Amino acid sequence: MISHFAYSFATHLVLLNNNGEIEKVVAAHDSGHIVNKKLFEGQIHGGVVMGMGYALRENLKLVDGMPQAKSLGQLGLLKSHEVPQDIEVITVETDDVDAPYGAKGVGEISSIPISAAIANAYRVYDKHVYEELPLKRK
C-alpha cells in the first residue's frame, strides 16, 4: 500500500508597487481535478497568507523548547490590512494522478513557495540578497 507520494507543483510570483510593498501575488498550482473550486482557492489564499507571515514577520523565540510569546499578538502574525487584496490563483488541472476523483492535495504546498517569491521580488527591487526568515529589509 502507498500511503503518500509527491505528484504536484506550485509556483508563486510576487509583484511590488513603486514603494516596495506587496501589491499582488500570483499562485499557480497543479491541482489534479478540482472537486470544489472555492475550497481549493481558499486553501491557496490561506497558505499564501500563512507563508507571507513566515517570510515577513513571524519570529517565534524558543528558550529550552518553550515559546517566549505570551500572547498571539506577540507572534508577529500579519493583520488583515497587511495582506494584498490581489491574490490570483491559477489552477493547472491535470488528469495524471491515480487518486480518488483525480484530486490532488493542496495543503502545505500553498505556503511553501511564497517566501522565496517575496525574497526574489525584494532582490529585484533593492538589489539585496535575502537569506534568512523573516526577511530583514535594508
Protein backbone atom coordinates (compact mmCIF):
# COMPACT_ATOMS: atom_id res chain seq x y z
CA MET A 1 0.00 0.00 0.00
CA ILE A 2 1.24 3.51 -0.84
CA SER A 3 0.42 6.00 1.91
CA HIS A 4 1.63 9.17 0.17
CA PHE A 5 3.76 10.39 -2.68
CA ALA A 6 4.84 13.62 -4.37
CA TYR A 7 2.92 14.41 -7.50
CA SER A 8 2.33 18.11 -7.72
CA PHE A 9 3.93 21.52 -8.30
CA ALA A 10 3.38 25.09 -7.23
CA THR A 11 4.98 28.38 -8.12
CA HIS A 12 4.33 31.90 -6.86
CA LEU A 13 5.09 35.34 -8.25
CA VAL A 14 5.11 38.49 -6.09
CA LEU A 15 4.65 41.92 -7.60
CA LEU A 16 5.68 45.02 -5.67
CA ASN A 17 4.44 48.56 -6.14
CA ASN A 18 6.79 51.55 -6.54
CA ASN A 19 7.10 51.84 -2.73
CA GLY A 20 8.30 48.24 -2.36
CA GLU A 21 5.00 47.00 -0.89
CA ILE A 22 3.47 43.72 -1.99
CA GLU A 23 0.72 44.62 -4.43
CA LYS A 24 -0.17 41.25 -5.96
CA VAL A 25 0.57 37.56 -5.57
CA VAL A 26 0.05 35.07 -8.38
CA ALA A 27 -0.07 31.47 -7.19
CA ALA A 28 -0.10 28.69 -9.79
CA HIS A 29 -0.79 25.18 -8.53
CA ASP A 30 -1.05 21.77 -10.13
CA SER A 31 -4.41 20.71 -8.81
CA GLY A 32 -5.35 17.47 -10.47
CA HIS A 33 -9.12 17.51 -10.84
CA ILE A 34 -10.68 20.25 -8.70
CA VAL A 35 -13.61 18.87 -6.76
CA ASN A 36 -14.55 22.16 -5.02
CA LYS A 37 -13.10 25.26 -6.68
CA LYS A 38 -13.98 27.72 -3.85
CA LEU A 39 -12.40 25.44 -1.25
CA PHE A 40 -9.32 24.97 -3.44
CA GLU A 41 -8.85 28.71 -3.92
CA GLY A 42 -9.46 29.37 -0.22
CA GLN A 43 -6.76 26.85 0.68
CA ILE A 44 -4.29 28.58 -1.65
CA HIS A 45 -5.17 32.03 -0.26
CA GLY A 46 -4.71 30.78 3.30
CA GLY A 47 -1.36 29.17 2.51
CA VAL A 48 -0.12 32.32 0.78
CA VAL A 49 -1.02 34.48 3.77
CA MET A 50 0.50 32.00 6.23
CA GLY A 51 3.72 31.87 4.19
CA MET A 52 3.80 35.67 3.99
CA GLY A 53 3.77 35.78 7.79
CA TYR A 54 6.73 33.41 7.94
CA ALA A 55 8.58 35.44 5.31
CA LEU A 56 7.98 38.92 6.66
CA ARG A 57 7.29 39.00 10.37
CA GLU A 58 6.95 35.83 12.40
CA ASN A 59 9.91 35.02 14.56
CA LEU A 60 8.92 32.61 17.32
CA LYS A 61 11.57 32.71 20.03
CA LEU A 62 12.12 29.46 21.94
CA VAL A 63 14.05 29.00 25.16
CA ASP A 64 14.59 25.38 26.18
CA GLY A 65 11.92 24.43 23.65
CA MET A 66 9.31 26.76 25.15
CA PRO A 67 7.82 29.69 23.23
CA GLN A 68 8.52 33.07 24.80
CA ALA A 69 5.47 34.83 23.37
CA LYS A 70 2.77 35.25 25.98
CA SER A 71 0.00 36.11 23.52
CA LEU A 72 -0.90 35.75 19.84
CA GLY A 73 -0.23 39.47 19.44
CA GLN A 74 3.46 38.86 20.17
CA LEU A 75 3.89 36.29 17.39
CA GLY A 76 4.12 38.78 14.53
CA LEU A 77 1.13 37.41 12.63
CA LEU A 78 0.03 39.53 9.69
CA LYS A 79 -3.01 41.70 10.19
CA SER A 80 -5.75 41.69 7.58
CA HIS A 81 -4.83 45.15 6.26
CA GLU A 82 -1.26 43.91 5.59
CA VAL A 83 -2.41 41.20 3.18
CA PRO A 84 -2.54 42.16 -0.51
CA GLN A 85 -6.05 42.48 -1.88
CA ASP A 86 -4.98 40.81 -5.11
CA ILE A 87 -4.08 37.13 -4.72
CA GLU A 88 -4.64 35.44 -8.06
CA VAL A 89 -4.92 31.66 -8.08
CA ILE A 90 -4.08 29.87 -11.30
CA THR A 91 -5.25 26.29 -11.42
CA VAL A 92 -3.45 23.78 -13.59
CA GLU A 93 -5.84 20.87 -13.85
CA THR A 94 -4.27 17.57 -14.84
CA ASP A 95 -5.60 14.04 -15.04
CA ASP A 96 -2.34 12.20 -14.42
CA VAL A 97 -2.92 11.04 -10.86
CA ASP A 98 -4.34 7.78 -9.60
CA ALA A 99 -6.22 9.25 -6.64
CA PRO A 100 -9.87 9.49 -5.68
CA TYR A 101 -11.68 11.60 -8.32
CA GLY A 102 -8.26 12.57 -9.73
CA ALA A 103 -7.85 15.18 -6.98
CA LYS A 104 -4.52 16.32 -5.55
CA GLY A 105 -3.90 17.74 -2.09
CA VAL A 106 -3.02 21.42 -1.78
CA GLY A 107 -2.44 21.81 1.95
CA GLU A 108 1.12 22.71 2.88
CA ILE A 109 2.32 23.24 -0.69
CA SER A 110 0.38 26.50 -0.84
CA SER A 111 2.57 28.06 1.89
CA ILE A 112 5.98 26.92 0.64
CA PRO A 113 6.87 28.98 -2.49
CA ILE A 114 5.79 32.39 -1.19
CA SER A 115 8.85 33.11 0.98
CA ALA A 116 11.22 32.60 -1.94
CA ALA A 117 8.94 34.64 -4.23
CA ILE A 118 8.91 37.55 -1.75
CA ALA A 119 12.68 37.39 -1.26
CA ASN A 120 13.18 37.40 -5.02
CA ALA A 121 10.80 40.33 -5.54
CA TYR A 122 12.73 42.36 -2.98
CA ARG A 123 16.05 41.29 -4.51
CA VAL A 124 14.90 42.70 -7.83
CA TYR A 125 13.54 45.83 -6.11
CA ASP A 126 16.52 46.77 -3.92
CA LYS A 127 19.34 44.54 -5.26
CA HIS A 128 19.91 42.87 -1.87
CA VAL A 129 20.00 39.08 -1.49
CA TYR A 130 17.84 37.91 1.44
CA GLU A 131 18.89 34.62 3.02
CA GLU A 132 17.05 34.48 6.37
CA LEU A 133 13.46 34.41 7.55
CA PRO A 134 11.86 36.62 8.50
CA LEU A 135 13.32 38.88 5.83
CA LYS A 136 15.05 41.91 7.28
CA ARG A 137 14.76 44.64 4.68
CA LYS A 138 17.57 47.17 4.48
